[in-house]
Amino acid sequence: MENLNSKGKLVFGSLFVGALIGATIGVLFAPHKGKKTRNNIAKSLKNSAYRFKDEIKEDGQYLKDKAMKVENLLEDKISKASTSFKDKANELLHSGSDHEMNKK
């Protein structure tokens, strides 16, 4: 278990260092001046954040709709089961009272 955890840390660390090196090289060899590059990066990050936020909203709405469908289905099943249980209980009560009447 510890070995797997160490490997996971190594992989994550390697990816992080690789991304950091890639970003540094990208900024150094960027075709624009530093300020424009930083603005482009900021705009790109904002756009990505907005898209991510929209996707999360859509996924959240999808999950909410699914949960409502499941809730309605369960309420319907519980209602039907309750009605069936009451009907069976009434049948047993009436058959028991009919049986008592036949004894007398």
C-alpha atoms as a PDB file:
ATOM      1  CA  MET A   1       0.000   0.000   0.000  1.00  0.00           C
ATOM      2  CA  GLU A   2       2.818   2.394   0.877  1.00  0.00           C
ATOM      3  CA  ASN A   3       4.561   1.542  -2.384  1.00  0.00           C
ATOM      4  CA  LEU A   4       1.466   2.533  -4.375  1.00  0.00           C
ATOM      5  CA  ASN A   5       1.212   5.795  -2.456  1.00  0.00           C
ATOM      6  CA  SER A   6       4.885   6.590  -3.184  1.00  0.00           C
ATOM      7  CA  LYS A   7       4.406   5.837  -6.875  1.00  0.00           C
ATOM      8  CA  GLY A   8       1.335   8.093  -6.961  1.00  0.00           C
ATOM      9  CA  LYS A   9       3.308  10.923  -5.384  1.00  0.00           C
ATOM     10  CA  LEU A  10       6.140  10.370  -7.850  1.00  0.00           C
ATOM     11  CA  VAL A  11       3.784  10.432 -10.839  1.00  0.00           C
ATOM     12  CA  PHE A  12       1.965  13.528  -9.567  1.00  0.00           C
ATOM     13  CA  GLY A  13       5.265  15.274  -8.819  1.00  0.00           C
ATOM     14  CA  SER A  14       6.627  14.399 -12.252  1.00  0.00           C
ATOM     15  CA  LEU A  15       3.509  15.720 -13.966  1.00  0.00           C
ATOM     16  CA  PHE A  16       3.611  18.911 -11.915  1.00  0.00           C
ATOM     17  CA  VAL A  17       7.303  19.530 -12.681  1.00  0.00           C
ATOM     18  CA  GLY A  18       6.709  18.767 -16.373  1.00  0.00           C
ATOM     19  CA  ALA A  19       3.798  21.204 -16.522  1.00  0.00           C
ATOM     20  CA  LEU A  20       5.857  23.868 -14.764  1.00  0.00           C
ATOM     21  CA  ILE A  21       8.783  23.398 -17.182  1.00  0.00           C
ATOM     22  CA  GLY A  22       6.410  23.469 -20.161  1.00  0.00           C
ATOM     23  CA  ALA A  23       4.750  26.666 -18.965  1.00  0.00           C
ATOM     24  CA  THR A  24       8.120  28.313 -18.386  1.00  0.00           C
ATOM     25  CA  ILE A  25       9.378  27.388 -21.843  1.00  0.00           C
ATOM     26  CA  GLY A  26       6.094  28.568 -23.367  1.00  0.00           C
ATOM     27  CA  VAL A  27       6.384  31.962 -21.691  1.00  0.00           C
ATOM     28  CA  LEU A  28      10.055  32.337 -22.630  1.00  0.00           C
ATOM     29  CA  PHE A  29       9.437  31.577 -26.286  1.00  0.00           C
ATOM     30  CA  ALA A  30       6.092  33.345 -26.522  1.00  0.00           C
ATOM     31  CA  PRO A  31       5.679  35.513 -29.642  1.00  0.00           C
ATOM     32  CA  HIS A  32       4.337  38.445 -27.587  1.00  0.00           C
ATOM     33  CA  LYS A  33       5.704  40.719 -24.908  1.00  0.00           C
ATOM     34  CA  GLY A  34       5.345  39.632 -21.271  1.00  0.00           C
ATOM     35  CA  LYS A  35       2.370  41.856 -20.443  1.00  0.00           C
ATOM     36  CA  LYS A  36       0.408  40.727 -23.510  1.00  0.00           C
ATOM     37  CA  THR A  37       1.283  37.092 -22.819  1.00  0.00           C
ATOM     38  CA  ARG A  38       0.120  37.417 -19.210  1.00  0.00           C
ATOM     39  CA  ASN A  39      -3.131  39.031 -20.411  1.00  0.00           C
ATOM     40  CA  ASN A  40      -3.642  36.198 -22.905  1.00  0.00           C
ATOM     41  CA  ILE A  41      -3.004  33.632 -20.187  1.00  0.00           C
ATOM     42  CA  ALA A  42      -5.403  35.426 -17.827  1.00  0.00           C
ATOM     43  CA  LYS A  43      -8.122  35.591 -20.514  1.00  0.00           C
ATOM     44  CA  SER A  44      -7.621  31.935 -21.339  1.00  0.00           C
ATOM     45  CA  LEU A  45      -7.871  30.956 -17.671  1.00  0.00           C
ATOM     46  CA  LYS A  46     -11.020  33.069 -17.199  1.00  0.00           C
ATOM     47  CA  ASN A  47     -12.624  31.520 -20.279  1.00  0.00           C
ATOM     48  CA  SER A  48     -11.715  28.055 -19.048  1.00  0.00           C
ATOM     49  CA  ALA A  49     -13.155  28.866 -15.629  1.00  0.00           C
ATOM     50  CA  TYR A  50     -16.419  30.108 -17.177  1.00  0.00           C
ATOM     51  CA  ARG A  51     -16.700  26.994 -19.357  1.00  0.00           C
ATOM     52  CA  PHE A  52     -15.968  24.783 -16.358  1.00  0.00           C
ATOM     53  CA  LYS A  53     -18.577  26.639 -14.300  1.00  0.00           C
ATOM     54  CA  ASP A  54     -21.161  26.214 -17.073  1.00  0.00           C
ATOM     55  CA  GLU A  55     -20.385  22.512 -17.380  1.00  0.00           C
ATOM     56  CA  ILE A  56     -20.722  22.080 -13.619  1.00  0.00           C
ATOM     57  CA  LYS A  57     -24.085  23.891 -13.730  1.00  0.00           C
ATOM     58  CA  GLU A  58     -25.284  21.645 -16.557  1.00  0.00           C
ATOM     59  CA  ASP A  59     -24.095  18.508 -14.790  1.00  0.00           C
ATOM     60  CA  GLY A  60     -25.689  19.705 -11.555  1.00  0.00           C
ATOM     61  CA  GLN A  61     -29.001  20.331 -13.310  1.00  0.00           C
ATOM     62  CA  TYR A  62     -28.828  16.911 -14.969  1.00  0.00           C
ATOM     63  CA  LEU A  63     -28.199  15.240 -11.613  1.00  0.00           C
ATOM     64  CA  LYS A  64     -30.976  17.279  -9.993  1.00  0.00           C
ATOM     65  CA  ASP A  65     -33.418  16.208 -12.716  1.00  0.00           C
ATOM     66  CA  LYS A  66     -32.397  12.566 -12.319  1.00  0.00           C
ATOM     67  CA  ALA A  67     -32.797  12.789  -8.542  1.00  0.00           C
ATOM     68  CA  MET A  68     -36.280  14.271  -8.960  1.00  0.00           C
ATOM     69  CA  LYS A  69     -37.256  11.428 -11.312  1.00  0.00           C
ATOM     70  CA  VAL A  70     -35.980   8.845  -8.847  1.00  0.00           C
ATOM     71  CA  GLU A  71     -37.762  10.616  -5.985  1.00  0.00           C
ATOM     72  CA  ASN A  72     -41.053  10.652  -7.913  1.00  0.00           C
ATOM     73  CA  LEU A  73     -40.636   7.003  -8.859  1.00  0.00           C
ATOM     74  CA  LEU A  74     -39.952   6.039  -5.245  1.00  0.00           C
ATOM     75  CA  GLU A  75     -42.905   8.064  -3.977  1.00  0.00           C
ATOM     76  CA  ASP A  76     -45.134   6.315  -6.508  1.00  0.00           C
ATOM     77  CA  LYS A  77     -43.827   2.865  -5.561  1.00  0.00           C
ATOM     78  CA  ILE A  78     -44.192   3.599  -1.836  1.00  0.00           C
ATOM     79  CA  SER A  79     -47.720   4.912  -2.360  1.00  0.00           C
ATOM     80  CA  LYS A  80     -48.703   1.805  -4.333  1.00  0.00           C
ATOM     81  CA  ALA A  81     -47.108  -0.490  -1.754  1.00  0.00           C
ATOM     82  CA  SER A  82     -48.872   1.360   1.064  1.00  0.00           C
ATOM     83  CA  THR A  83     -52.230   1.093  -0.688  1.00  0.00           C
ATOM     84  CA  SER A  84     -51.653  -2.591  -1.385  1.00  0.00           C
ATOM     85  CA  PHE A  85     -50.661  -3.184   2.239  1.00  0.00           C
ATOM     86  CA  LYS A  86     -53.772  -1.399   3.497  1.00  0.00           C
ATOM     87  CA  ASP A  87     -55.970  -3.395   1.122  1.00  0.00           C
ATOM     88  CA  LYS A  88     -54.424  -6.678   2.260  1.00  0.00           C
ATOM     89  CA  ALA A  89     -54.786  -5.684   5.914  1.00  0.00           C
ATOM     90  CA  ASN A  90     -58.448  -4.808   5.349  1.00  0.00           C
ATOM     91  CA  GLU A  91     -58.999  -8.123   3.582  1.00  0.00           C
ATOM     92  CA  LEU A  92     -57.478  -9.985   6.502  1.00  0.00           C
ATOM     93  CA  LEU A  93     -59.533  -8.001   8.999  1.00  0.00           C
ATOM     94  CA  HIS A  94     -62.750  -8.636   7.099  1.00  0.00           C
ATOM     95  CA  SER A  95     -62.014 -12.295   6.501  1.00  0.00           C
ATOM     96  CA  GLY A  96     -61.227 -12.642  10.222  1.00  0.00           C
ATOM     97  CA  SER A  97     -64.515 -10.998  11.226  1.00  0.00           C
ATOM     98  CA  ASP A  98     -66.411 -13.147   8.710  1.00  0.00           C
ATOM     99  CA  HIS A  99     -64.750 -16.184  10.170  1.00  0.00           C
ATOM    100  CA  GLU A 100     -65.742 -15.095  13.690  1.00  0.00           C
ATOM    101  CA  MET A 101     -69.333 -14.577  12.552  1.00  0.00           C
ATOM    102  CA  ASN A 102     -69.415 -18.087  11.026  1.00  0.00           C
ATOM    103  CA  LYS A 103     -68.203 -19.569  14.337  1.00  0.00           C
ATOM    104  CA  LYS A 104     -71.124 -18.120  16.239  1.00  0.00           C
END
